[in-house]
Amino acid sequence: MVFPGGMIPSYAWSAPAQHLLQYIPTPNDGPTTFSTAADGQTLRDDKGGLRVDANSDRWGLLSAYYFVDDYHSNNPYPRQQGGASVPGFAALTRDALS
């Protein structure tokens, strides 16, 4: 359905949509764009490794190695992932790789 002027009239909005409007900020950078840097992107990338070597008369040199990469990222404006450019819809990534 095509609406006059390309605007959807408020009578056509569903009840849930009307209640969600409070979470969409009004434009502050021109007539149609919202821009903010209120929330910063954070990254925590802790890494660790452990190596143990031992010589044995029976088996010779024995070695063991363990590595862990504890990764946590919070991107408050994940546009590249199809997310929102408004606050409140961050992309959280947490991985514990070992």
PDB file of N, CA and C in Angstrom:
ATOM      1  N   MET A   1       0.840  -1.177   0.000  1.00  0.00           N
ATOM      2  CA  MET A   1       0.000   0.000   0.000  1.00  0.00           C
ATOM      3  C   MET A   1       0.882   1.236   0.000  1.00  0.00           C
ATOM      4  N   VAL A   2       0.559   2.204  -0.819  1.00  0.00           N
ATOM      5  CA  VAL A   2       1.309   3.453  -0.912  1.00  0.00           C
ATOM      6  C   VAL A   2       0.546   4.521  -0.133  1.00  0.00           C
ATOM      7  N   PHE A   3       1.258   5.193   0.775  1.00  0.00           N
ATOM      8  CA  PHE A   3       0.649   6.256   1.573  1.00  0.00           C
ATOM      9  C   PHE A   3       1.015   7.616   0.988  1.00  0.00           C
ATOM     10  N   PRO A   4       0.148   8.601   1.151  1.00  0.00           N
ATOM     11  CA  PRO A   4       0.432   9.930   0.617  1.00  0.00           C
ATOM     12  C   PRO A   4       1.697  10.512   1.242  1.00  0.00           C
ATOM     13  N   GLY A   5       2.557  11.040   0.416  1.00  0.00           N
ATOM     14  CA  GLY A   5       3.790  11.668   0.891  1.00  0.00           C
ATOM     15  C   GLY A   5       4.811  10.671   1.415  1.00  0.00           C
ATOM     16  N   GLY A   6       4.560   9.366   1.233  1.00  0.00           N
ATOM     17  CA  GLY A   6       5.494   8.356   1.707  1.00  0.00           C
ATOM     18  C   GLY A   6       5.540   8.225   3.222  1.00  0.00           C
ATOM     19  N   MET A   7       4.552   8.740   3.926  1.00  0.00           N
ATOM     20  CA  MET A   7       4.505   8.682   5.391  1.00  0.00           C
ATOM     21  C   MET A   7       3.374   7.750   5.818  1.00  0.00           C
ATOM     22  N   ILE A   8       3.658   6.862   6.749  1.00  0.00           N
ATOM     23  CA  ILE A   8       2.629   5.972   7.274  1.00  0.00           C
ATOM     24  C   ILE A   8       1.849   6.735   8.350  1.00  0.00           C
ATOM     25  N   PRO A   9       0.545   6.890   8.186  1.00  0.00           N
ATOM     26  CA  PRO A   9      -0.235   7.635   9.181  1.00  0.00           C
ATOM     27  C   PRO A   9      -0.302   6.882  10.514  1.00  0.00           C
ATOM     28  N   SER A  10      -0.409   7.618  11.618  1.00  0.00           N
ATOM     29  CA  SER A  10      -0.373   7.012  12.947  1.00  0.00           C
ATOM     30  C   SER A  10      -1.539   6.042  13.177  1.00  0.00           C
ATOM     31  N   TYR A  11      -2.659   6.211  12.504  1.00  0.00           N
ATOM     32  CA  TYR A  11      -3.783   5.286  12.703  1.00  0.00           C
ATOM     33  C   TYR A  11      -3.464   3.891  12.166  1.00  0.00           C
ATOM     34  N   ALA A  12      -2.441   3.768  11.295  1.00  0.00           N
ATOM     35  CA  ALA A  12      -2.084   2.473  10.735  1.00  0.00           C
ATOM     36  C   ALA A  12      -1.040   1.740  11.588  1.00  0.00           C
ATOM     37  N   TRP A  13      -0.530   2.385  12.633  1.00  0.00           N
ATOM     38  CA  TRP A  13       0.482   1.757  13.497  1.00  0.00           C
ATOM     39  C   TRP A  13      -0.168   0.765  14.443  1.00  0.00           C
ATOM     40  N   SER A  14       0.501  -0.339  14.676  1.00  0.00           N
ATOM     41  CA  SER A  14       0.004  -1.319  15.643  1.00  0.00           C
ATOM     42  C   SER A  14       0.251  -0.803  17.063  1.00  0.00           C
ATOM     43  N   ALA A  15      -0.466  -1.367  18.021  1.00  0.00           N
ATOM     44  CA  ALA A  15      -0.299  -0.944  19.421  1.00  0.00           C
ATOM     45  C   ALA A  15       1.129  -1.178  19.918  1.00  0.00           C
ATOM     46  N   PRO A  16       1.767  -2.339  19.633  1.00  0.00           N
ATOM     47  CA  PRO A  16       3.153  -2.505  20.076  1.00  0.00           C
ATOM     48  C   PRO A  16       4.098  -1.472  19.463  1.00  0.00           C
ATOM     49  N   ALA A  17       3.897  -1.151  18.191  1.00  0.00           N
ATOM     50  CA  ALA A  17       4.763  -0.168  17.541  1.00  0.00           C
ATOM     51  C   ALA A  17       4.623   1.194  18.201  1.00  0.00           C
ATOM     52  N   GLN A  18       3.431   1.572  18.584  1.00  0.00           N
ATOM     53  CA  GLN A  18       3.230   2.867  19.237  1.00  0.00           C
ATOM     54  C   GLN A  18       3.964   2.938  20.575  1.00  0.00           C
ATOM     55  N   HIS A  19       4.039   1.822  21.295  1.00  0.00           N
ATOM     56  CA  HIS A  19       4.734   1.815  22.583  1.00  0.00           C
ATOM     57  C   HIS A  19       6.252   1.777  22.433  1.00  0.00           C
ATOM     58  N   LEU A  20       6.746   1.314  21.288  1.00  0.00           N
ATOM     59  CA  LEU A  20       8.191   1.261  21.057  1.00  0.00           C
ATOM     60  C   LEU A  20       8.769   2.595  20.592  1.00  0.00           C
ATOM     61  N   LEU A  21       7.938   3.521  20.199  1.00  0.00           N
ATOM     62  CA  LEU A  21       8.422   4.807  19.702  1.00  0.00           C
ATOM     63  C   LEU A  21       9.224   5.578  20.745  1.00  0.00           C
ATOM     64  N   GLN A  22       8.970   5.359  22.020  1.00  0.00           N
ATOM     65  CA  GLN A  22       9.694   6.082  23.069  1.00  0.00           C
ATOM     66  C   GLN A  22      11.185   5.727  23.080  1.00  0.00           C
ATOM     67  N   TYR A  23      11.567   4.605  22.479  1.00  0.00           N
ATOM     68  CA  TYR A  23      12.965   4.178  22.452  1.00  0.00           C
ATOM     69  C   TYR A  23      13.730   4.692  21.236  1.00  0.00           C
ATOM     70  N   ILE A  24      13.056   5.333  20.327  1.00  0.00           N
ATOM     71  CA  ILE A  24      13.699   5.881  19.135  1.00  0.00           C
ATOM     72  C   ILE A  24      13.933   7.373  19.363  1.00  0.00           C
ATOM     73  N   PRO A  25      15.198   7.798  19.406  1.00  0.00           N
ATOM     74  CA  PRO A  25      15.477   9.211  19.662  1.00  0.00           C
ATOM     75  C   PRO A  25      15.100  10.088  18.476  1.00  0.00           C
ATOM     76  N   THR A  26      14.839  11.334  18.774  1.00  0.00           N
ATOM     77  CA  THR A  26      14.515  12.288  17.716  1.00  0.00           C
ATOM     78  C   THR A  26      15.806  12.713  17.012  1.00  0.00           C
ATOM     79  N   PRO A  27      15.723  13.112  15.746  1.00  0.00           N
ATOM     80  CA  PRO A  27      16.919  13.532  15.008  1.00  0.00           C
ATOM     81  C   PRO A  27      17.607  14.718  15.693  1.00  0.00           C
ATOM     82  N   ASN A  28      18.939  14.695  15.705  1.00  0.00           N
ATOM     83  CA  ASN A  28      19.684  15.812  16.281  1.00  0.00           C
ATOM     84  C   ASN A  28      20.800  16.281  15.350  1.00  0.00           C
ATOM     85  N   ASP A  29      20.913  15.661  14.178  1.00  0.00           N
ATOM     86  CA  ASP A  29      21.941  16.013  13.201  1.00  0.00           C
ATOM     87  C   ASP A  29      21.258  16.151  11.842  1.00  0.00           C
ATOM     88  N   GLY A  30      20.550  17.217  11.678  1.00  0.00           N
ATOM     89  CA  GLY A  30      19.756  17.395  10.473  1.00  0.00           C
ATOM     90  C   GLY A  30      18.327  16.909  10.705  1.00  0.00           C
ATOM     91  N   PRO A  31      17.502  16.957   9.667  1.00  0.00           N
ATOM     92  CA  PRO A  31      16.085  16.617   9.851  1.00  0.00           C
ATOM     93  C   PRO A  31      15.786  15.129  10.020  1.00  0.00           C
ATOM     94  N   THR A  32      16.690  14.251   9.598  1.00  0.00           N
ATOM     95  CA  THR A  32      16.374  12.823   9.646  1.00  0.00           C
ATOM     96  C   THR A  32      17.455  11.949  10.257  1.00  0.00           C
ATOM     97  N   THR A  33      18.520  12.529  10.809  1.00  0.00           N
ATOM     98  CA  THR A  33      19.647  11.738  11.290  1.00  0.00           C
ATOM     99  C   THR A  33      19.865  11.932  12.779  1.00  0.00           C
ATOM    100  N   PHE A  34      20.055  10.825  13.479  1.00  0.00           N
ATOM    101  CA  PHE A  34      20.433  10.868  14.893  1.00  0.00           C
ATOM    102  C   PHE A  34      21.890  10.465  14.999  1.00  0.00           C
ATOM    103  N   SER A  35      22.663  11.221  15.769  1.00  0.00           N
ATOM    104  CA  SER A  35      24.085  10.924  15.928  1.00  0.00           C
ATOM    105  C   SER A  35      24.484  11.123  17.380  1.00  0.00           C
ATOM    106  N   THR A  36      25.256  10.168  17.911  1.00  0.00           N
ATOM    107  CA  THR A  36      25.760  10.285  19.270  1.00  0.00           C
ATOM    108  C   THR A  36      27.028   9.464  19.422  1.00  0.00           C
ATOM    109  N   ALA A  37      27.814   9.841  20.388  1.00  0.00           N
ATOM    110  CA  ALA A  37      28.997   9.075  20.776  1.00  0.00           C
ATOM    111  C   ALA A  37      28.980   8.921  22.291  1.00  0.00           C
ATOM    112  N   ALA A  38      27.802   8.869  22.868  1.00  0.00           N
ATOM    113  CA  ALA A  38      27.652   8.818  24.318  1.00  0.00           C
ATOM    114  C   ALA A  38      28.209   7.527  24.906  1.00  0.00           C
ATOM    115  N   ASP A  39      28.103   6.439  24.177  1.00  0.00           N
ATOM    116  CA  ASP A  39      28.594   5.148  24.662  1.00  0.00           C
ATOM    117  C   ASP A  39      29.819   4.743  23.853  1.00  0.00           C
ATOM    118  N   GLY A  40      30.884   4.400  24.550  1.00  0.00           N
ATOM    119  CA  GLY A  40      32.109   3.999  23.875  1.00  0.00           C
ATOM    120  C   GLY A  40      32.180   2.496  23.679  1.00  0.00           C
ATOM    121  N   GLN A  41      32.894   2.084  22.651  1.00  0.00           N
ATOM    122  CA  GLN A  41      33.114   0.666  22.397  1.00  0.00           C
ATOM    123  C   GLN A  41      34.199   0.170  23.349  1.00  0.00           C
ATOM    124  N   THR A  42      33.968  -0.980  23.947  1.00  0.00           N
ATOM    125  CA  THR A  42      34.955  -1.545  24.863  1.00  0.00           C
ATOM    126  C   THR A  42      35.418  -2.906  24.353  1.00  0.00           C
ATOM    127  N   LEU A  43      36.673  -3.191  24.622  1.00  0.00           N
ATOM    128  CA  LEU A  43      37.258  -4.457  24.225  1.00  0.00           C
ATOM    129  C   LEU A  43      38.176  -4.932  25.345  1.00  0.00           C
ATOM    130  N   ARG A  44      37.954  -6.147  25.787  1.00  0.00           N
ATOM    131  CA  ARG A  44      38.863  -6.784  26.737  1.00  0.00           C
ATOM    132  C   ARG A  44      39.351  -8.058  26.075  1.00  0.00           C
ATOM    133  N   ASP A  45      40.654  -8.173  25.934  1.00  0.00           N
ATOM    134  CA  ASP A  45      41.229  -9.317  25.244  1.00  0.00           C
ATOM    135  C   ASP A  45      42.378  -9.853  26.089  1.00  0.00           C
ATOM    136  N   ASP A  46      42.045 -10.719  27.025  1.00  0.00           N
ATOM    137  CA  ASP A  46      43.043 -11.318  27.916  1.00  0.00           C
ATOM    138  C   ASP A  46      43.563 -12.609  27.293  1.00  0.00           C
ATOM    139  N   LYS A  47      44.861 -12.732  27.270  1.00  0.00           N
ATOM    140  CA  LYS A  47      45.480 -13.930  26.704  1.00  0.00           C
ATOM    141  C   LYS A  47      46.445 -14.509  27.722  1.00  0.00           C
ATOM    142  N   GLY A  48      46.646 -15.800  27.638  1.00  0.00           N
ATOM    143  CA  GLY A  48      47.612 -16.442  28.526  1.00  0.00           C
ATOM    144  C   GLY A  48      48.087 -17.747  27.925  1.00  0.00           C
ATOM    145  N   GLY A  49      49.276 -18.113  28.305  1.00  0.00           N
ATOM    146  CA  GLY A  49      49.835 -19.360  27.813  1.00  0.00           C
ATOM    147  C   GLY A  49      50.690 -20.021  28.886  1.00  0.00           C
ATOM    148  N   LEU A  50      50.784 -21.328  28.807  1.00  0.00           N
ATOM    149  CA  LEU A  50      51.569 -22.100  29.765  1.00  0.00           C
ATOM    150  C   LEU A  50      52.268 -23.219  29.001  1.00  0.00           C
ATOM    151  N   ARG A  51      53.575 -23.340  29.265  1.00  0.00           N
ATOM    152  CA  ARG A  51      54.344 -24.409  28.622  1.00  0.00           C
ATOM    153  C   ARG A  51      55.122 -25.144  29.702  1.00  0.00           C
ATOM    154  N   VAL A  52      55.097 -26.453  29.607  1.00  0.00           N
ATOM    155  CA  VAL A  52      55.823 -27.305  30.548  1.00  0.00           C
ATOM    156  C   VAL A  52      56.673 -28.272  29.731  1.00  0.00           C
ATOM    157  N   ASP A  53      57.969 -28.328  30.067  1.00  0.00           N
ATOM    158  CA  ASP A  53      58.888 -29.268  29.434  1.00  0.00           C
ATOM    159  C   ASP A  53      59.513 -30.136  30.518  1.00  0.00           C
ATOM    160  N   ALA A  54      59.710 -31.395  30.215  1.00  0.00           N
ATOM    161  CA  ALA A  54      60.353 -32.306  31.169  1.00  0.00           C
ATOM    162  C   ALA A  54      61.150 -33.343  30.395  1.00  0.00           C
ATOM    163  N   ASN A  55      62.299 -33.701  30.937  1.00  0.00           N
ATOM    164  CA  ASN A  55      63.119 -34.775  30.369  1.00  0.00           C
ATOM    165  C   ASN A  55      62.880 -36.053  31.156  1.00  0.00           C
ATOM    166  N   SER A  56      62.709 -37.129  30.418  1.00  0.00           N
ATOM    167  CA  SER A  56      62.470 -38.417  31.046  1.00  0.00           C
ATOM    168  C   SER A  56      63.468 -39.424  30.473  1.00  0.00           C
ATOM    169  N   ASP A  57      64.009 -40.273  31.331  1.00  0.00           N
ATOM    170  CA  ASP A  57      64.919 -41.310  30.846  1.00  0.00           C
ATOM    171  C   ASP A  57      64.181 -42.319  29.975  1.00  0.00           C
ATOM    172  N   ARG A  58      62.914 -42.532  30.295  1.00  0.00           N
ATOM    173  CA  ARG A  58      62.149 -43.554  29.579  1.00  0.00           C
ATOM    174  C   ARG A  58      61.592 -43.051  28.242  1.00  0.00           C
ATOM    175  N   TRP A  59      60.985 -41.810  28.233  1.00  0.00           N
ATOM    176  CA  TRP A  59      60.321 -41.308  27.023  1.00  0.00           C
ATOM    177  C   TRP A  59      61.064 -40.151  26.354  1.00  0.00           C
ATOM    178  N   GLY A  60      62.080 -39.651  26.952  1.00  0.00           N
ATOM    179  CA  GLY A  60      62.805 -38.525  26.369  1.00  0.00           C
ATOM    180  C   GLY A  60      62.141 -37.203  26.758  1.00  0.00           C
ATOM    181  N   LEU A  61      62.145 -36.240  25.862  1.00  0.00           N
ATOM    182  CA  LEU A  61      61.594 -34.914  26.142  1.00  0.00           C
ATOM    183  C   LEU A  61      60.061 -34.941  26.059  1.00  0.00           C
ATOM    184  N   LEU A  62      59.399 -34.491  27.097  1.00  0.00           N
ATOM    185  CA  LEU A  62      57.930 -34.364  27.140  1.00  0.00           C
ATOM    186  C   LEU A  62      57.595 -32.885  27.200  1.00  0.00           C
ATOM    187  N   SER A  63      56.653 -32.449  26.387  1.00  0.00           N
ATOM    188  CA  SER A  63      56.247 -31.043  26.351  1.00  0.00           C
ATOM    189  C   SER A  63      54.734 -30.952  26.341  1.00  0.00           C
ATOM    190  N   ALA A  64      54.240 -29.923  26.988  1.00  0.00           N
ATOM    191  CA  ALA A  64      52.798 -29.624  26.977  1.00  0.00           C
ATOM    192  C   ALA A  64      52.641 -28.116  26.867  1.00  0.00           C
ATOM    193  N   TYR A  65      51.625 -27.695  26.114  1.00  0.00           N
ATOM    194  CA  TYR A  65      51.376 -26.261  25.927  1.00  0.00           C
ATOM    195  C   TYR A  65      49.874 -26.018  25.997  1.00  0.00           C
ATOM    196  N   TYR A  66      49.469 -24.970  26.706  1.00  0.00           N
ATOM    197  CA  TYR A  66      48.060 -24.599  26.827  1.00  0.00           C
ATOM    198  C   TYR A  66      47.949 -23.100  26.603  1.00  0.00           C
ATOM    199  N   PHE A  67      46.983 -22.689  25.808  1.00  0.00           N
ATOM    200  CA  PHE A  67      46.771 -21.268  25.503  1.00  0.00           C
ATOM    201  C   PHE A  67      45.302 -20.937  25.686  1.00  0.00           C
ATOM    202  N   VAL A  68      45.011 -19.786  26.255  1.00  0.00           N
ATOM    203  CA  VAL A  68      43.631 -19.329  26.413  1.00  0.00           C
ATOM    204  C   VAL A  68      43.534 -17.878  25.940  1.00  0.00           C
ATOM    205  N   ASP A  69      42.432 -17.560  25.266  1.00  0.00           N
ATOM    206  CA  ASP A  69      42.158 -16.204  24.782  1.00  0.00           C
ATOM    207  C   ASP A  69      40.752 -15.840  25.235  1.00  0.00           C
ATOM    208  N   ASP A  70      40.654 -15.097  26.310  1.00  0.00           N
ATOM    209  CA  ASP A  70      39.361 -14.660  26.857  1.00  0.00           C
ATOM    210  C   ASP A  70      39.034 -13.311  26.237  1.00  0.00           C
ATOM    211  N   TYR A  71      38.028 -13.284  25.383  1.00  0.00           N
ATOM    212  CA  TYR A  71      37.707 -12.123  24.554  1.00  0.00           C
ATOM    213  C   TYR A  71      36.311 -11.616  24.884  1.00  0.00           C
ATOM    214  N   HIS A  72      36.177 -10.304  25.079  1.00  0.00           N
ATOM    215  CA  HIS A  72      34.882  -9.693  25.370  1.00  0.00           C
ATOM    216  C   HIS A  72      34.818  -8.352  24.647  1.00  0.00           C
ATOM    217  N   SER A  73      33.813  -8.170  23.811  1.00  0.00           N
ATOM    218  CA  SER A  73      33.653  -6.931  23.052  1.00  0.00           C
ATOM    219  C   SER A  73      32.232  -6.401  23.217  1.00  0.00           C
ATOM    220  N   ASN A  74      32.119  -5.091  23.407  1.00  0.00           N
ATOM    221  CA  ASN A  74      30.820  -4.427  23.499  1.00  0.00           C
ATOM    222  C   ASN A  74      30.814  -3.279  22.496  1.00  0.00           C
ATOM    223  N   ASN A  75      30.067  -3.445  21.407  1.00  0.00           N
ATOM    224  CA  ASN A  75      29.941  -2.414  20.386  1.00  0.00           C
ATOM    225  C   ASN A  75      28.559  -1.780  20.535  1.00  0.00           C
ATOM    226  N   PRO A  76      28.485  -0.529  21.036  1.00  0.00           N
ATOM    227  CA  PRO A  76      27.177   0.080  21.288  1.00  0.00           C
ATOM    228  C   PRO A  76      26.390   0.440  20.027  1.00  0.00           C
ATOM    229  N   TYR A  77      27.055   0.579  18.893  1.00  0.00           N
ATOM    230  CA  TYR A  77      26.368   0.955  17.646  1.00  0.00           C
ATOM    231  C   TYR A  77      26.802   0.017  16.514  1.00  0.00           C
ATOM    232  N   PRO A  78      26.297  -1.209  16.464  1.00  0.00           N
ATOM    233  CA  PRO A  78      26.784  -2.216  15.510  1.00  0.00           C
ATOM    234  C   PRO A  78      26.153  -2.096  14.122  1.00  0.00           C
ATOM    235  N   ARG A  79      26.443  -1.055  13.406  1.00  0.00           N
ATOM    236  CA  ARG A  79      25.842  -0.860  12.084  1.00  0.00           C
ATOM    237  C   ARG A  79      26.254  -1.930  11.087  1.00  0.00           C
ATOM    238  N   GLN A  80      27.514  -2.362  11.131  1.00  0.00           N
ATOM    239  CA  GLN A  80      27.997  -3.329  10.151  1.00  0.00           C
ATOM    240  C   GLN A  80      27.347  -4.688  10.314  1.00  0.00           C
ATOM    241  N   GLN A  81      26.692  -4.954  11.444  1.00  0.00           N
ATOM    242  CA  GLN A  81      26.047  -6.239  11.673  1.00  0.00           C
ATOM    243  C   GLN A  81      24.533  -6.146  11.498  1.00  0.00           C
ATOM    244  N   GLY A  82      24.066  -5.103  10.876  1.00  0.00           N
ATOM    245  CA  GLY A  82      22.635  -4.928  10.682  1.00  0.00           C
ATOM    246  C   GLY A  82      21.935  -4.441  11.934  1.00  0.00           C
ATOM    247  N   GLY A  83      22.701  -3.922  12.887  1.00  0.00           N
ATOM    248  CA  GLY A  83      22.145  -3.435  14.147  1.00  0.00           C
ATOM    249  C   GLY A  83      21.698  -1.993  14.042  1.00  0.00           C
ATOM    250  N   ALA A  84      21.428  -1.409  15.170  1.00  0.00           N
ATOM    251  CA  ALA A  84      20.900  -0.056  15.220  1.00  0.00           C
ATOM    252  C   ALA A  84      22.005   0.972  15.375  1.00  0.00           C
ATOM    253  N   SER A  85      21.732   2.186  14.980  1.00  0.00           N
ATOM    254  CA  SER A  85      22.657   3.288  15.191  1.00  0.00           C
ATOM    255  C   SER A  85      22.180   4.157  16.348  1.00  0.00           C
ATOM    256  N   VAL A  86      21.293   3.635  17.169  1.00  0.00           N
ATOM    257  CA  VAL A  86      20.774   4.353  18.330  1.00  0.00           C
ATOM    258  C   VAL A  86      21.179   3.611  19.603  1.00  0.00           C
ATOM    259  N   PRO A  87      21.296   4.317  20.722  1.00  0.00           N
ATOM    260  CA  PRO A  87      21.711   3.661  21.968  1.00  0.00           C
ATOM    261  C   PRO A  87      20.713   2.599  22.421  1.00  0.00           C
ATOM    262  N   GLY A  88      21.226   1.599  23.130  1.00  0.00           N
ATOM    263  CA  GLY A  88      20.370   0.591  23.733  1.00  0.00           C
ATOM    264  C   GLY A  88      20.297  -0.733  23.012  1.00  0.00           C
ATOM    265  N   PHE A  89      20.980  -0.852  21.880  1.00  0.00           N
ATOM    266  CA  PHE A  89      20.929  -2.084  21.096  1.00  0.00           C
ATOM    267  C   PHE A  89      22.348  -2.547  20.761  1.00  0.00           C
ATOM    268  N   ALA A  90      23.157  -2.733  21.782  1.00  0.00           N
ATOM    269  CA  ALA A  90      24.568  -3.066  21.589  1.00  0.00           C
ATOM    270  C   ALA A  90      24.747  -4.506  21.113  1.00  0.00           C
ATOM    271  N   ALA A  91      25.907  -4.747  20.498  1.00  0.00           N
ATOM    272  CA  ALA A  91      26.289  -6.101  20.092  1.00  0.00           C
ATOM    273  C   ALA A  91      27.359  -6.572  21.069  1.00  0.00           C
ATOM    274  N   LEU A  92      27.020  -7.568  21.879  1.00  0.00           N
ATOM    275  CA  LEU A  92      27.957  -8.116  22.845  1.00  0.00           C
ATOM    276  C   LEU A  92      28.539  -9.417  22.298  1.00  0.00           C
ATOM    277  N   THR A  93      29.853  -9.539  22.394  1.00  0.00           N
ATOM    278  CA  THR A  93      30.523 -10.758  21.960  1.00  0.00           C
ATOM    279  C   THR A  93      31.424 -11.224  23.083  1.00  0.00           C
ATOM    280  N   ARG A  94      31.265 -12.461  23.480  1.00  0.00           N
ATOM    281  CA  ARG A  94      32.113 -13.018  24.536  1.00  0.00           C
ATOM    282  C   ARG A  94      32.534 -14.417  24.124  1.00  0.00           C
ATOM    283  N   ASP A  95      33.841 -14.618  24.061  1.00  0.00           N
ATOM    284  CA  ASP A  95      34.396 -15.911  23.688  1.00  0.00           C
ATOM    285  C   ASP A  95      35.503 -16.282  24.656  1.00  0.00           C
ATOM    286  N   ALA A  96      35.572 -17.513  25.000  1.00  0.00           N
ATOM    287  CA  ALA A  96      36.702 -18.042  25.760  1.00  0.00           C
ATOM    288  C   ALA A  96      37.304 -19.152  24.915  1.00  0.00           C
ATOM    289  N   LEU A  97      38.315 -18.811  24.160  1.00  0.00           N
ATOM    290  CA  LEU A  97      38.936 -19.762  23.253  1.00  0.00           C
ATOM    291  C   LEU A  97      40.139 -20.399  23.922  1.00  0.00           C
ATOM    292  N   SER A  98      40.228 -21.691  23.833  1.00  0.00           N
ATOM    293  CA  SER A  98      41.415 -22.358  24.372  1.00  0.00           C
ATOM    294  C   SER A  98      41.708 -23.610  23.577  1.00  0.00           C
TER     295      SER A  98
END
